[in-house]
């Protein structure tokens, strides 16, 4: 039944044998909707199989409940009521113990009631994967009157020893997460391979200023199996993470909440854990970082500031993921680095670039009346690509990947409109630069982008334009 209801995104929803790589982590809203549609289609097929007979219904309960995706608050309420009714009826097969993967991702105005989530967690004692993407409603009055639904209590149930969690995405709704999260996480830390910590606080910046400094008495957590860590946290929390023991950590994705990269917490984390990293994602745009945040205060006898030596902190880095929205670096005004924090690296072999689709569309919108053969709209992006291909900056580079699913659709669609023609010409120029440097250009799936593919798209654009003119 599981194989019969598999999809391209979820061939086996419980397969956690492969460590998570951020190269395959979907970020696109369009791709999210596609994944959700495939999930719903799979659930529909499971329900159809469950209606064949009583025997099939009993067997189908495991595959029906093993992967639950909550995309609306009403779905969390329905699931909680279903689990409660099954518990009251002794003749019904209990679905709660079959829940192995719980994914909660809802719109902002459809966040789940924490009381419903507490009921679900109480009846799901065998979780392997848990993901909450800012989708649980906070109500301080309810938490005061019903402490069972507070974030601390929810996490205590989630971190129960019966749950052999291997992948955890947890949203912190306050800044003092390490005061309650770190000790509780110890009970389920032995098998944890992927950990994602998000922030969701409307008063983040004011709260981070009032946080107590990290001291040597901070709880030290050991995560012996953790390979991938994703954090959207502030500088003080990085100082806490630097005290954690993560001996096999390889993949790191960072989106800082306060952009204090010159702080001691950021440097302390990378000095301790940086040598173990082989994959790093800086998941924000470098153009949003102010220059004065990116330099460490100079020594008294030094006339210039000392920049962040991220390449020195991460000497074994093989893969780097950045955003297409890069900015001119005032220290090197003749070229644009892929990211202002990592202008060069001697061992880097792979660079993935997100948000190229947005950058292309924004650049076209800023210069709508230029000629088709004019490079002006994409000048900045072409310069960024050229900077990545500089042998002096990345001498070991072998692959550049367009991480955008929308960009791939734009490149393959063969849209006969002016933007479609411009985009194909842009990629032909990028491919020529990659060829001259001996670097492979890839799409988001890891497939090579070839000149033959682009010529086919050009031919399709030409045929469509001829057909349109004849009509």
Protein backbone atom coordinates (compact mmCIF):
# COMPACT_ATOMS: atom_id res chain seq x y z
CA UNK A 1 0.00 0.00 0.00
CA UNK A 2 2.86 2.37 0.76
CA UNK A 3 4.46 1.76 -2.63
CA UNK A 4 1.13 2.08 -4.42
CA UNK A 5 0.55 5.54 -2.92
CA UNK A 6 4.11 6.87 -3.25
CA UNK A 7 4.80 10.21 -4.98
CA UNK A 8 7.89 11.75 -6.55
CA UNK A 9 8.45 13.97 -3.50
CA UNK A 10 7.65 11.26 -0.97
CA UNK A 11 8.65 7.84 -2.37
CA UNK A 12 8.92 6.70 1.25
CA UNK A 13 7.87 9.33 3.81
CA UNK A 14 9.67 7.48 6.59
CA UNK A 15 12.98 7.04 4.81
CA UNK A 16 15.53 8.76 7.05
CA UNK A 17 18.52 6.65 6.04
CA UNK A 18 20.17 9.51 4.14
CA UNK A 19 21.46 12.56 6.02
CA UNK A 20 19.68 15.74 5.02
CA UNK A 21 21.53 17.93 2.52
CA UNK A 22 20.36 21.51 2.07
CA UNK A 23 20.87 21.06 -1.67
CA UNK A 24 17.55 19.19 -1.72
CA UNK A 25 15.69 21.31 0.82
CA UNK A 26 12.69 22.93 -0.96
CA UNK A 27 12.21 26.63 -0.24
CA UNK A 28 10.03 27.72 -3.14
CA UNK A 29 6.39 28.61 -2.35
CA UNK A 30 5.37 27.13 -5.71
CA UNK A 31 7.25 23.94 -4.94
CA UNK A 32 5.59 23.86 -1.52
CA UNK A 33 2.14 23.87 -3.13
CA UNK A 34 3.21 21.09 -5.49
CA UNK A 35 4.43 18.99 -2.56
CA UNK A 36 1.17 19.61 -0.70
CA UNK A 37 -0.92 18.59 -3.72
CA UNK A 38 1.06 15.38 -4.06
CA UNK A 39 0.60 14.65 -0.36
CA UNK A 40 -3.17 15.15 -0.59
CA UNK A 41 -3.33 12.94 -3.66
CA UNK A 42 -1.45 10.22 -1.78
CA UNK A 43 -3.82 10.48 1.21
CA UNK A 44 -6.82 10.21 -1.13
CA UNK A 45 -5.42 7.01 -2.64
CA UNK A 46 -4.83 5.59 0.84
CA UNK A 47 -8.43 6.34 1.81
CA UNK A 48 -9.68 4.60 -1.34
CA UNK A 49 -7.66 1.49 -0.47
CA UNK A 50 -9.01 1.59 3.09
CA UNK A 51 -12.60 1.36 1.73
CA UNK A 52 -12.03 -1.90 -0.15
CA UNK A 53 -12.88 -4.13 2.82
CA UNK A 54 -12.69 -4.34 6.58
CA UNK A 55 -9.40 -6.21 6.35
CA UNK A 56 -7.89 -3.62 4.02
CA UNK A 57 -9.18 -0.87 6.29
CA UNK A 58 -7.32 -2.36 9.24
CA UNK A 59 -4.11 -2.76 7.23
CA UNK A 60 -4.40 0.73 5.71
CA UNK A 61 -4.40 2.49 9.09
CA UNK A 62 -0.62 2.27 9.34
CA UNK A 63 0.09 3.91 5.95
CA UNK A 64 -2.78 6.36 6.44
CA UNK A 65 -1.48 7.76 9.72
CA UNK A 66 2.29 7.30 9.35
CA UNK A 67 2.76 10.70 7.62
CA UNK A 68 0.46 13.55 8.67
CA UNK A 69 0.73 17.01 7.10
CA UNK A 70 -1.35 19.67 8.87
CA UNK A 71 -1.89 22.68 6.60
CA UNK A 72 -4.90 24.26 8.38
CA UNK A 73 -5.86 24.79 12.02
CA UNK A 74 -9.09 22.88 11.38
CA UNK A 75 -7.10 19.82 10.35
CA UNK A 76 -5.27 19.79 13.68
CA UNK A 77 -8.63 20.00 15.49
CA UNK A 78 -10.07 17.17 13.38
CA UNK A 79 -7.05 14.94 13.98
CA UNK A 80 -7.15 15.60 17.74
CA UNK A 81 -10.87 14.71 17.90
CA UNK A 82 -10.26 11.60 15.79
CA UNK A 83 -7.55 10.35 18.14
CA UNK A 84 -9.75 11.06 21.17
CA UNK A 85 -12.72 9.17 19.66
CA UNK A 86 -10.51 6.21 18.75
CA UNK A 87 -9.28 6.05 22.34
CA UNK A 88 -12.86 5.91 23.63
CA UNK A 89 -13.92 3.16 21.21
CA UNK A 90 -12.24 -0.14 22.06
CA UNK A 91 -13.30 -1.68 18.73
CA UNK A 92 -11.48 0.93 16.62
CA UNK A 93 -7.85 0.56 15.52
CA UNK A 94 -5.82 3.26 17.26
CA UNK A 95 -4.16 5.57 14.72
CA UNK A 96 -1.96 7.53 17.13
CA UNK A 97 0.82 4.93 17.53
CA UNK A 98 1.11 4.78 13.73
CA UNK A 99 2.01 8.49 13.45
CA UNK A 100 5.73 8.53 12.72
CA UNK A 101 6.05 11.83 10.85
CA UNK A 102 4.16 15.01 11.79
CA UNK A 103 4.54 18.04 9.52
CA UNK A 104 2.85 21.32 10.57
CA UNK A 105 3.02 24.13 8.01
CA UNK A 106 0.07 26.52 7.85
CA UNK A 107 -0.65 30.09 6.71
CA UNK A 108 -0.12 32.81 9.31
CA UNK A 109 -3.84 33.22 10.03
CA UNK A 110 -4.40 29.44 10.23
CA UNK A 111 -2.00 28.55 13.03
CA UNK A 112 -2.90 25.51 15.12
CA UNK A 113 -4.37 25.62 18.59
CA UNK A 114 -1.63 24.38 20.98
CA UNK A 115 -4.25 22.40 22.93
CA UNK A 116 -5.02 20.37 19.78
CA UNK A 117 -1.33 19.82 19.16
CA UNK A 118 -0.87 18.65 22.75
CA UNK A 119 -3.62 16.07 22.26
CA UNK A 120 -1.98 14.84 19.04
CA UNK A 121 1.43 14.51 20.72
CA UNK A 122 -0.07 12.69 23.70
CA UNK A 123 -1.46 10.00 21.38
CA UNK A 124 1.59 9.82 19.06
CA UNK A 125 4.30 8.16 21.18
CA UNK A 126 6.45 6.85 18.29
CA UNK A 127 7.41 9.97 16.36
CA UNK A 128 10.51 9.87 14.18
CA UNK A 129 10.14 13.18 12.29
CA UNK A 130 8.52 16.35 13.70
CA UNK A 131 8.37 19.68 11.81
CA UNK A 132 6.73 22.90 12.98
CA UNK A 133 7.23 25.88 10.67
CA UNK A 134 5.84 28.78 12.71
CA UNK A 135 2.42 27.18 12.68
CA UNK A 136 1.38 27.00 16.35
CA UNK A 137 -0.74 29.81 17.78
CA UNK A 138 0.47 31.59 20.92
CA UNK A 139 -1.99 32.78 23.55
CA UNK A 140 -0.42 33.80 26.84
CA UNK A 141 -3.78 33.78 28.65
CA UNK A 142 -4.50 30.21 27.55
CA UNK A 143 -1.01 29.13 28.54
CA UNK A 144 -1.49 30.64 31.98
CA UNK A 145 -4.87 28.98 32.50
CA UNK A 146 -3.82 25.70 30.84
CA UNK A 147 -0.06 25.12 31.26
CA UNK A 148 -0.32 21.83 29.32
CA UNK A 149 -0.35 23.82 26.08
CA UNK A 150 2.69 26.00 26.80
CA UNK A 151 5.75 25.64 24.50
CA UNK A 152 7.75 24.10 27.34
CA UNK A 153 5.11 21.42 27.94
CA UNK A 154 4.71 20.71 24.23
CA UNK A 155 8.43 20.23 23.89
CA UNK A 156 8.59 18.04 26.99
CA UNK A 157 6.03 15.68 25.43
CA UNK A 158 7.82 15.77 22.09
CA UNK A 159 11.19 15.02 23.69
CA UNK A 160 9.84 12.01 25.57
CA UNK A 161 12.21 9.00 25.48
CA UNK A 162 9.52 6.93 23.70
CA UNK A 163 9.89 9.19 20.67
CA UNK A 164 13.01 8.15 18.76
CA UNK A 165 13.27 11.49 17.01
CA UNK A 166 15.74 11.55 14.16
CA UNK A 167 14.65 14.81 12.54
CA UNK A 168 13.28 17.80 14.44
CA UNK A 169 12.22 21.25 13.19
CA UNK A 170 11.22 23.35 16.19
CA UNK A 171 9.98 26.93 16.28
CA UNK A 172 11.04 29.01 19.29
CA UNK A 173 8.37 31.49 20.33
CA UNK A 174 10.67 33.21 22.83
CA UNK A 175 14.40 33.98 22.90
CA UNK A 176 15.34 31.99 26.00
CA UNK A 177 14.99 28.67 24.23
CA UNK A 178 18.13 27.18 25.73
CA UNK A 179 16.74 27.55 29.27
CA UNK A 180 14.15 24.80 28.63
CA UNK A 181 14.93 23.31 25.22
CA UNK A 182 18.52 22.24 25.81
CA UNK A 183 17.93 20.08 28.93
CA UNK A 184 14.78 18.50 27.46
CA UNK A 185 16.50 17.78 24.16
CA UNK A 186 19.02 15.64 25.99
CA UNK A 187 16.41 12.90 26.54
CA UNK A 188 16.01 12.33 22.79
CA UNK A 189 19.43 13.47 21.56
CA UNK A 190 20.99 10.07 20.91
CA UNK A 191 19.30 9.46 17.52
CA UNK A 192 18.79 13.05 16.36
CA UNK A 193 20.36 13.54 12.90
CA UNK A 194 18.71 16.79 11.77
CA UNK A 195 17.83 19.79 13.94
CA UNK A 196 16.20 23.02 12.76
CA UNK A 197 15.60 25.90 15.18
CA UNK A 198 13.43 28.80 14.01
CA UNK A 199 12.50 32.07 15.67
CA UNK A 200 8.99 33.49 15.76
CA UNK A 201 8.86 36.56 18.02
CA UNK A 202 7.42 40.02 17.19
CA UNK A 203 9.83 41.68 19.63
CA UNK A 204 12.98 39.82 18.67
CA UNK A 205 15.43 42.71 18.44
CA UNK A 206 14.39 44.33 21.71
CA UNK A 207 14.41 40.98 23.49
CA UNK A 208 17.84 39.95 22.23
CA UNK A 209 19.38 43.09 23.68
CA UNK A 210 18.10 42.17 27.14
CA UNK A 211 19.32 38.57 27.06
CA UNK A 212 21.80 37.56 29.73
CA UNK A 213 25.30 36.81 28.45
CA UNK A 214 26.30 33.18 28.02
CA UNK A 215 28.42 31.91 30.89
CA UNK A 216 30.37 28.75 31.53
CA UNK A 217 27.45 27.41 33.56
CA UNK A 218 25.27 27.16 30.43
CA UNK A 219 23.87 23.67 29.94
CA UNK A 220 26.11 21.67 27.58
CA UNK A 221 24.19 19.39 25.23
CA UNK A 222 25.70 16.40 23.43
CA UNK A 223 24.23 15.42 20.05
CA UNK A 224 26.32 12.42 18.96
CA UNK A 225 24.42 11.68 15.70
CA UNK A 226 23.62 15.22 14.50
CA UNK A 227 24.77 15.76 10.90
CA UNK A 228 22.65 18.72 9.76
CA UNK A 229 21.83 21.89 11.69
CA UNK A 230 19.65 24.78 10.50
CA UNK A 231 19.41 27.88 12.66
CA UNK A 232 17.61 31.20 12.29
CA UNK A 233 18.88 32.66 15.50
CA UNK A 234 20.67 35.63 17.05
CA UNK A 235 24.29 36.11 18.06
CA UNK A 236 23.68 35.18 21.72
CA UNK A 237 22.16 31.86 20.73
CA UNK A 238 25.16 31.07 18.53
CA UNK A 239 27.24 31.40 21.67
CA UNK A 240 25.03 28.75 23.29
CA UNK A 241 25.33 26.45 20.26
CA UNK A 242 29.09 26.74 20.41
CA UNK A 243 29.00 24.96 23.79
CA UNK A 244 27.08 21.99 22.36
CA UNK A 245 28.99 18.85 21.45
CA UNK A 246 28.24 17.88 17.82
CA UNK A 247 31.09 15.58 16.76
CA UNK A 248 29.69 14.51 13.34
CA UNK A 249 28.15 17.83 12.24
CA UNK A 250 28.65 18.34 8.48
CA UNK A 251 25.86 20.54 7.10
CA UNK A 252 24.93 23.99 8.42
CA UNK A 253 22.31 26.47 7.24
CA UNK A 254 22.36 29.94 8.83
CA UNK A 255 19.86 32.77 8.73
CA UNK A 256 20.75 35.23 11.45
CA UNK A 257 17.99 37.19 13.13
CA UNK A 258 20.02 40.25 14.08
CA UNK A 259 22.87 40.14 11.49
CA UNK A 260 25.54 40.61 14.18
CA UNK A 261 28.09 38.49 12.35
CA UNK A 262 30.94 40.40 13.92
CA UNK A 263 29.82 39.32 17.39
CA UNK A 264 31.68 36.86 19.56
CA UNK A 265 28.90 34.25 19.45
CA UNK A 266 29.12 33.88 15.67
CA UNK A 267 32.91 33.64 15.65
CA UNK A 268 32.98 31.32 18.66
CA UNK A 269 30.61 28.89 16.97
CA UNK A 270 32.60 28.73 13.74
CA UNK A 271 35.97 28.51 15.46
CA UNK A 272 34.74 25.42 17.35
CA UNK A 273 32.51 23.72 14.76
CA UNK A 274 33.72 25.25 11.48
CA UNK A 275 36.50 22.70 10.73
CA UNK A 276 33.89 19.89 10.66
CA UNK A 277 31.62 21.56 8.10
CA UNK A 278 31.55 20.36 4.49
CA UNK A 279 28.34 22.18 3.48
CA UNK A 280 27.32 25.72 4.44
CA UNK A 281 24.25 27.72 3.47
CA UNK A 282 23.93 31.42 4.20
CA UNK A 283 20.25 31.58 3.46
CA UNK A 284 19.80 35.35 3.44
CA UNK A 285 20.66 38.04 0.96
CA UNK A 286 24.04 39.61 1.57
CA UNK A 287 22.67 42.93 0.30
CA UNK A 288 20.57 43.24 3.46
CA UNK A 289 23.60 43.27 5.75
CA UNK A 290 24.99 46.64 6.72
CA UNK A 291 28.73 47.03 6.21
CA UNK A 292 29.48 48.08 9.78
CA UNK A 293 28.03 44.80 11.08
CA UNK A 294 30.48 42.82 8.99
CA UNK A 295 33.75 44.00 10.50
CA UNK A 296 35.36 43.28 13.83
CA UNK A 297 36.50 46.44 15.66
CA UNK A 298 40.14 47.15 14.72
CA UNK A 299 43.05 46.77 17.05
CA UNK A 300 44.52 49.95 18.52
CA UNK A 301 47.59 49.75 16.26
CA UNK A 302 45.66 48.71 13.13
CA UNK A 303 44.42 51.45 10.76
CA UNK A 304 41.78 49.20 9.12
CA UNK A 305 39.18 46.73 10.40
CA UNK A 306 39.76 42.97 10.27
CA UNK A 307 37.16 41.12 8.18
CA UNK A 308 35.46 37.85 9.11
CA UNK A 309 37.74 34.93 8.11
CA UNK A 310 34.99 32.45 7.28
CA UNK A 311 37.23 30.59 4.84
CA UNK A 312 39.78 30.07 7.62
CA UNK A 313 37.15 28.93 10.12
CA UNK A 314 35.76 26.39 7.59
CA UNK A 315 38.85 24.96 5.84
CA UNK A 316 37.14 21.71 4.76
CA UNK A 317 34.11 23.32 3.14
CA UNK A 318 33.10 21.60 -0.12
CA UNK A 319 29.62 23.02 -0.85
CA UNK A 320 28.30 26.57 -0.40
CA UNK A 321 24.74 27.86 -0.93
CA UNK A 322 23.95 31.56 -1.21
CA UNK A 323 21.35 33.98 -2.55
CA UNK A 324 21.40 35.64 -5.96
CA UNK A 325 20.75 39.02 -4.37
CA UNK A 326 24.40 39.88 -3.78
CA UNK A 327 25.79 43.39 -3.35
CA UNK A 328 28.92 45.22 -4.37
CA UNK A 329 31.69 44.75 -1.81
CA UNK A 330 33.24 48.11 -0.97
CA UNK A 331 36.56 46.42 -0.21
CA UNK A 332 36.74 44.91 -3.72
CA UNK A 333 34.67 47.21 -5.96
CA UNK A 334 35.74 45.53 -9.23
CA UNK A 335 33.75 42.33 -8.66
CA UNK A 336 30.76 40.91 -6.80
CA UNK A 337 31.37 37.98 -4.46
CA UNK A 338 28.68 35.26 -4.22
CA UNK A 339 28.31 36.31 -0.59
CA UNK A 340 29.97 39.11 1.29
CA UNK A 341 30.96 36.73 4.10
CA UNK A 342 32.70 34.28 1.75
CA UNK A 343 34.41 36.14 -1.11
CA UNK A 344 36.85 33.26 -1.71
CA UNK A 345 37.69 29.72 -0.61
CA UNK A 346 40.55 27.46 -1.79
CA UNK A 347 38.76 24.09 -1.42
CA UNK A 348 35.17 24.89 -2.45
CA UNK A 349 33.92 22.62 -5.27
CA UNK A 350 30.22 23.47 -5.45
CA UNK A 351 28.24 26.73 -5.26
CA UNK A 352 24.44 26.70 -5.27
CA UNK A 353 22.50 29.94 -5.86
CA UNK A 354 18.92 30.50 -4.70
CA UNK A 355 16.36 33.13 -5.81
CA UNK A 356 17.71 33.56 -9.35
CA UNK A 357 14.12 33.67 -10.64
CA UNK A 358 13.28 36.67 -8.46
CA UNK A 359 16.49 38.42 -9.44
CA UNK A 360 15.83 37.94 -13.17
CA UNK A 361 12.26 39.23 -12.96
CA UNK A 362 13.26 42.21 -10.81
CA UNK A 363 16.07 43.14 -13.20
CA UNK A 364 13.73 42.96 -16.21
CA UNK A 365 11.18 45.15 -14.41
CA UNK A 366 13.84 47.81 -13.75
CA UNK A 367 14.85 48.02 -17.43
CA UNK A 368 11.81 47.07 -19.54
CA UNK A 369 12.68 49.10 -22.65
CA UNK A 370 16.24 47.97 -23.38
CA UNK A 371 17.11 46.07 -26.56
CA UNK A 372 17.11 42.27 -26.52
CA UNK A 373 20.87 42.08 -27.08
CA UNK A 374 21.60 44.59 -24.32
CA UNK A 375 23.20 43.08 -21.18
CA UNK A 376 22.27 46.05 -18.98
CA UNK A 377 19.29 44.46 -17.12
CA UNK A 378 21.33 41.42 -16.05
CA UNK A 379 24.69 43.16 -15.68
CA UNK A 380 24.91 42.73 -11.90
CA UNK A 381 23.87 39.08 -11.99
CA UNK A 382 26.30 38.30 -14.83
CA UNK A 383 29.07 39.98 -12.86
CA UNK A 384 28.22 37.86 -9.83
CA UNK A 385 28.45 34.73 -11.99
CA UNK A 386 31.74 35.95 -13.37
CA UNK A 387 33.08 36.57 -9.88
CA UNK A 388 32.16 33.03 -8.83
CA UNK A 389 34.08 31.72 -11.84
CA UNK A 390 37.26 33.62 -10.96
CA UNK A 391 40.02 31.07 -10.52
CA UNK A 392 41.74 33.29 -7.95
CA UNK A 393 38.64 33.24 -5.72
CA UNK A 394 37.55 29.59 -6.07
CA UNK A 395 40.37 27.58 -7.67
CA UNK A 396 38.77 24.18 -6.96
CA UNK A 397 35.27 25.02 -8.21
CA UNK A 398 33.63 22.32 -10.38
CA UNK A 399 29.85 22.95 -10.18
CA UNK A 400 27.43 25.89 -10.12
CA UNK A 401 23.77 25.07 -9.53
CA UNK A 402 20.66 27.18 -10.07
CA UNK A 403 18.69 26.21 -6.92
CA UNK A 404 15.44 27.83 -8.09
CA UNK A 405 12.59 25.65 -9.31
CA UNK A 406 10.84 28.70 -10.81
CA UNK A 407 13.99 29.66 -12.68
CA UNK A 408 14.13 26.20 -14.21
CA UNK A 409 10.51 26.57 -15.37
CA UNK A 410 11.31 29.98 -16.88
CA UNK A 411 14.35 28.59 -18.68
CA UNK A 412 12.50 25.58 -20.12
CA UNK A 413 9.11 27.10 -20.89
CA UNK A 414 10.05 28.70 -24.20
CA UNK A 415 7.87 31.73 -23.54
CA UNK A 416 7.85 33.74 -26.81
CA UNK A 417 7.53 37.01 -24.88
CA UNK A 418 10.41 39.42 -24.56
CA UNK A 419 11.30 38.26 -20.98
CA UNK A 420 11.52 34.66 -22.19
CA UNK A 421 13.94 35.57 -24.97
CA UNK A 422 16.07 37.65 -22.62
CA UNK A 423 16.28 34.83 -20.06
CA UNK A 424 17.48 32.29 -22.62
CA UNK A 425 20.14 34.72 -23.88
CA UNK A 426 21.24 35.32 -20.29
CA UNK A 427 21.74 31.60 -19.64
CA UNK A 428 23.65 31.17 -22.91
CA UNK A 429 26.15 33.77 -21.72
CA UNK A 430 26.43 32.16 -18.29
CA UNK A 431 27.00 28.76 -19.91
CA UNK A 432 29.73 30.19 -22.13
CA UNK A 433 31.55 31.58 -19.10
CA UNK A 434 31.22 28.26 -17.27
CA UNK A 435 32.62 26.36 -20.24
CA UNK A 436 35.62 28.64 -20.55
CA UNK A 437 36.34 28.04 -16.85
CA UNK A 438 35.73 24.26 -16.99
CA UNK A 439 32.76 24.37 -14.57
CA UNK A 440 29.51 22.43 -14.92
CA UNK A 441 26.25 24.44 -14.84
CA UNK A 442 23.31 22.57 -13.23
CA UNK A 443 19.59 23.05 -12.67
CA UNK A 444 17.87 22.58 -9.29
CA UNK A 445 17.70 18.79 -9.77
CA UNK A 446 21.44 18.50 -10.40
CA UNK A 447 21.08 17.92 -14.16
CA UNK A 448 23.52 19.63 -16.52
CA UNK A 449 22.32 22.68 -18.47
CA UNK A 450 23.64 22.29 -22.02
CA UNK A 451 23.76 24.52 -25.07
CA UNK A 452 21.61 21.95 -26.87
CA UNK A 453 18.85 22.43 -24.29
CA UNK A 454 18.97 26.20 -24.71
CA UNK A 455 18.93 25.91 -28.50
CA UNK A 456 15.79 23.77 -28.28
CA UNK A 457 14.12 26.44 -26.17
CA UNK A 458 15.17 29.14 -28.66
CA UNK A 459 13.71 27.09 -31.50
CA UNK A 460 10.46 26.66 -29.57
CA UNK A 461 10.30 30.41 -28.95
CA UNK A 462 10.86 31.07 -32.66
CA UNK A 463 8.11 28.62 -33.74
CA UNK A 464 5.65 30.09 -31.24
CA UNK A 465 6.42 33.64 -32.32
CA UNK A 466 5.89 32.70 -35.99
CA UNK A 467 2.60 31.00 -35.13
CA UNK A 468 1.48 34.02 -33.14
CA UNK A 469 2.35 36.47 -35.97
CA UNK A 470 0.49 34.33 -38.54
CA UNK A 471 -2.56 34.23 -36.32
